[in-house]
């Protein structure tokens, strides 16, 4: 989280709780042309300072953004997510990239991936990686993307 904050030139990493209930987060926002967006990054106790949850959303022009969320400079005004998933993407383009969702609830598409990894370099030799991606559509376009990743043995 610290290195990401420095790379982005963002403000403070906020924090609450301790031990199992600890949570750190960083909020940044910017505009790309007429499109405004907000990115919320989280690190829970098990993530040990790395980002394990994120939420990116399109911000309507009439909406105000909390002052505790850092504004990024014009040079860092774009956001790129893995796999070319992006705000504004059409529903058909999203399905082309990610395939059929695991579940659909109204305008929200849920993608769940679970992978069993066997690695002799890791204590115990095997673990699972669970990834969840939730995408909210409005008028056939992506307006919110949220994701989390957990590793368990």
Protein backbone atom coordinates (compact mmCIF):
# COMPACT_ATOMS: atom_id res chain seq x y z
CA UNK A 1 0.00 0.00 0.00
CA UNK A 2 2.81 2.42 0.87
CA UNK A 3 4.64 1.95 -2.43
CA UNK A 4 1.38 2.30 -4.37
CA UNK A 5 0.54 5.49 -2.48
CA UNK A 6 3.95 6.91 -3.38
CA UNK A 7 3.65 5.86 -7.05
CA UNK A 8 0.26 7.52 -7.33
CA UNK A 9 1.28 10.62 -5.42
CA UNK A 10 -1.80 10.06 -3.26
CA UNK A 11 -2.60 11.28 0.24
CA UNK A 12 -2.88 9.31 3.44
CA UNK A 13 -3.54 5.63 3.85
CA UNK A 14 -6.46 5.46 6.26
CA UNK A 15 -6.79 2.74 8.88
CA UNK A 16 -9.23 1.29 11.40
CA UNK A 17 -9.37 -1.68 13.74
CA UNK A 18 -6.58 -3.99 14.79
CA UNK A 19 -5.61 -7.65 14.50
CA UNK A 20 -8.24 -9.64 12.58
CA UNK A 21 -10.48 -6.59 12.12
CA UNK A 22 -7.75 -4.27 10.81
CA UNK A 23 -8.31 -2.53 7.52
CA UNK A 24 -6.18 -0.07 5.57
CA UNK A 25 -7.52 1.82 2.58
CA UNK A 26 -6.52 4.38 0.02
CA UNK A 27 -8.93 6.41 -2.08
CA UNK A 28 -7.97 8.29 -5.25
CA UNK A 29 -9.94 9.99 -8.00
CA UNK A 30 -9.24 11.58 -11.35
CA UNK A 31 -10.79 12.50 -14.65
CA UNK A 32 -9.99 11.27 -18.14
CA UNK A 33 -11.52 13.81 -20.50
CA UNK A 34 -15.14 14.17 -19.42
CA UNK A 35 -15.11 10.86 -17.53
CA UNK A 36 -14.54 11.01 -13.77
CA UNK A 37 -13.65 7.95 -11.74
CA UNK A 38 -12.81 6.91 -8.20
CA UNK A 39 -10.57 4.04 -7.09
CA UNK A 40 -10.78 2.56 -3.58
CA UNK A 41 -8.02 0.13 -2.56
CA UNK A 42 -8.11 -2.03 0.59
CA UNK A 43 -5.75 -4.23 2.54
CA UNK A 44 -7.10 -6.43 5.31
CA UNK A 45 -5.14 -8.10 8.11
CA UNK A 46 -4.44 -11.25 6.08
CA UNK A 47 -3.13 -9.21 3.11
CA UNK A 48 -0.15 -7.93 5.12
CA UNK A 49 -0.06 -4.49 3.49
CA UNK A 50 -0.77 -5.62 -0.07
CA UNK A 51 -3.97 -4.70 -1.91
CA UNK A 52 -6.47 -7.56 -1.80
CA UNK A 53 -9.69 -5.66 -2.60
CA UNK A 54 -10.51 -2.80 -4.94
CA UNK A 55 -13.52 -0.86 -6.19
CA UNK A 56 -13.46 1.47 -9.19
CA UNK A 57 -16.50 3.43 -10.26
CA UNK A 58 -17.57 6.06 -12.72
CA UNK A 59 -18.48 9.28 -10.92
CA UNK A 60 -21.34 11.33 -12.39
CA UNK A 61 -20.43 14.97 -13.04
CA UNK A 62 -23.00 16.21 -10.51
CA UNK A 63 -21.64 13.99 -7.70
CA UNK A 64 -19.24 15.33 -5.09
CA UNK A 65 -16.25 13.32 -3.90
CA UNK A 66 -15.21 13.21 -0.24
CA UNK A 67 -12.23 15.51 0.37
CA UNK A 68 -10.33 12.63 2.06
CA UNK A 69 -10.08 10.96 -1.36
CA UNK A 70 -6.91 12.22 -3.09
CA UNK A 71 -7.11 13.85 -6.48
CA UNK A 72 -4.56 12.48 -8.92
CA UNK A 73 -2.60 14.73 -11.25
CA UNK A 74 -3.41 14.94 -14.95
CA UNK A 75 -0.42 12.69 -15.79
CA UNK A 76 -1.97 9.82 -13.83
CA UNK A 77 -5.55 10.44 -14.90
CA UNK A 78 -6.13 7.06 -16.50
CA UNK A 79 -6.73 3.71 -14.89
CA UNK A 80 -5.84 0.35 -16.38
CA UNK A 81 -7.12 -2.92 -14.97
CA UNK A 82 -5.83 -6.39 -15.84
CA UNK A 83 -7.46 -8.12 -18.78
CA UNK A 84 -8.59 -4.86 -20.43
CA UNK A 85 -11.70 -4.69 -18.22
CA UNK A 86 -12.60 -1.00 -18.04
CA UNK A 87 -15.27 1.51 -17.11
CA UNK A 88 -17.49 2.24 -20.11
CA UNK A 89 -16.98 -1.20 -21.66
CA UNK A 90 -20.09 -2.62 -23.34
CA UNK A 91 -21.80 -5.74 -21.98
CA UNK A 92 -20.89 -7.72 -25.10
CA UNK A 93 -17.22 -6.67 -24.93
CA UNK A 94 -17.12 -7.60 -21.23
CA UNK A 95 -18.51 -11.07 -21.97
CA UNK A 96 -15.98 -11.45 -24.79
CA UNK A 97 -13.16 -10.74 -22.34
CA UNK A 98 -14.42 -12.65 -19.29
CA UNK A 99 -16.91 -15.15 -20.69
CA UNK A 100 -20.23 -15.97 -19.06
CA UNK A 101 -20.59 -14.69 -15.48
CA UNK A 102 -20.86 -17.13 -12.58
CA UNK A 103 -24.04 -15.32 -11.48
CA UNK A 104 -26.20 -12.36 -12.47
CA UNK A 105 -28.22 -10.24 -10.01
CA UNK A 106 -30.07 -7.41 -11.75
CA UNK A 107 -27.44 -5.16 -13.34
CA UNK A 108 -24.56 -6.89 -11.50
CA UNK A 109 -22.46 -9.61 -13.14
CA UNK A 110 -20.42 -11.80 -10.79
CA UNK A 111 -17.32 -13.68 -11.93
CA UNK A 112 -15.80 -16.20 -9.50
CA UNK A 113 -12.57 -18.02 -10.16
CA UNK A 114 -10.92 -20.60 -7.92
CA UNK A 115 -7.54 -22.11 -8.65
CA UNK A 116 -5.72 -24.94 -6.86
CA UNK A 117 -1.96 -24.34 -6.86
CA UNK A 118 0.69 -26.93 -6.07
CA UNK A 119 4.06 -25.33 -5.36
CA UNK A 120 6.90 -27.15 -3.64
CA UNK A 121 8.54 -23.80 -2.79
CA UNK A 122 5.64 -22.87 -0.49
CA UNK A 123 5.20 -24.21 3.04
CA UNK A 124 2.57 -26.97 2.88
CA UNK A 125 3.08 -27.31 -0.88
CA UNK A 126 -0.41 -26.32 -2.00
CA UNK A 127 -2.97 -23.55 -1.66
CA UNK A 128 -6.09 -22.10 -3.28
CA UNK A 129 -6.53 -18.69 -4.89
CA UNK A 130 -10.09 -17.37 -4.96
CA UNK A 131 -10.87 -14.30 -7.04
CA UNK A 132 -14.23 -12.54 -7.28
CA UNK A 133 -15.07 -9.75 -9.69
CA UNK A 134 -18.41 -7.92 -9.55
CA UNK A 135 -19.30 -5.65 -12.46
CA UNK A 136 -22.25 -3.25 -12.38
CA UNK A 137 -23.81 -2.22 -15.70
CA UNK A 138 -25.95 0.83 -16.45
CA UNK A 139 -27.49 1.33 -19.90
CA UNK A 140 -25.36 -1.56 -21.22
CA UNK A 141 -22.04 -0.07 -20.03
CA UNK A 142 -19.70 -0.89 -17.12
CA UNK A 143 -20.01 1.75 -14.38
CA UNK A 144 -18.53 -0.10 -11.38
CA UNK A 145 -15.96 -2.86 -10.93
CA UNK A 146 -15.14 -4.44 -7.59
CA UNK A 147 -12.80 -7.30 -6.91
CA UNK A 148 -11.15 -9.28 -4.18
CA UNK A 149 -8.60 -12.03 -3.96
CA UNK A 150 -7.91 -14.48 -1.15
CA UNK A 151 -5.32 -17.20 -0.76
CA UNK A 152 -6.04 -20.12 1.55
CA UNK A 153 -4.25 -23.34 2.35
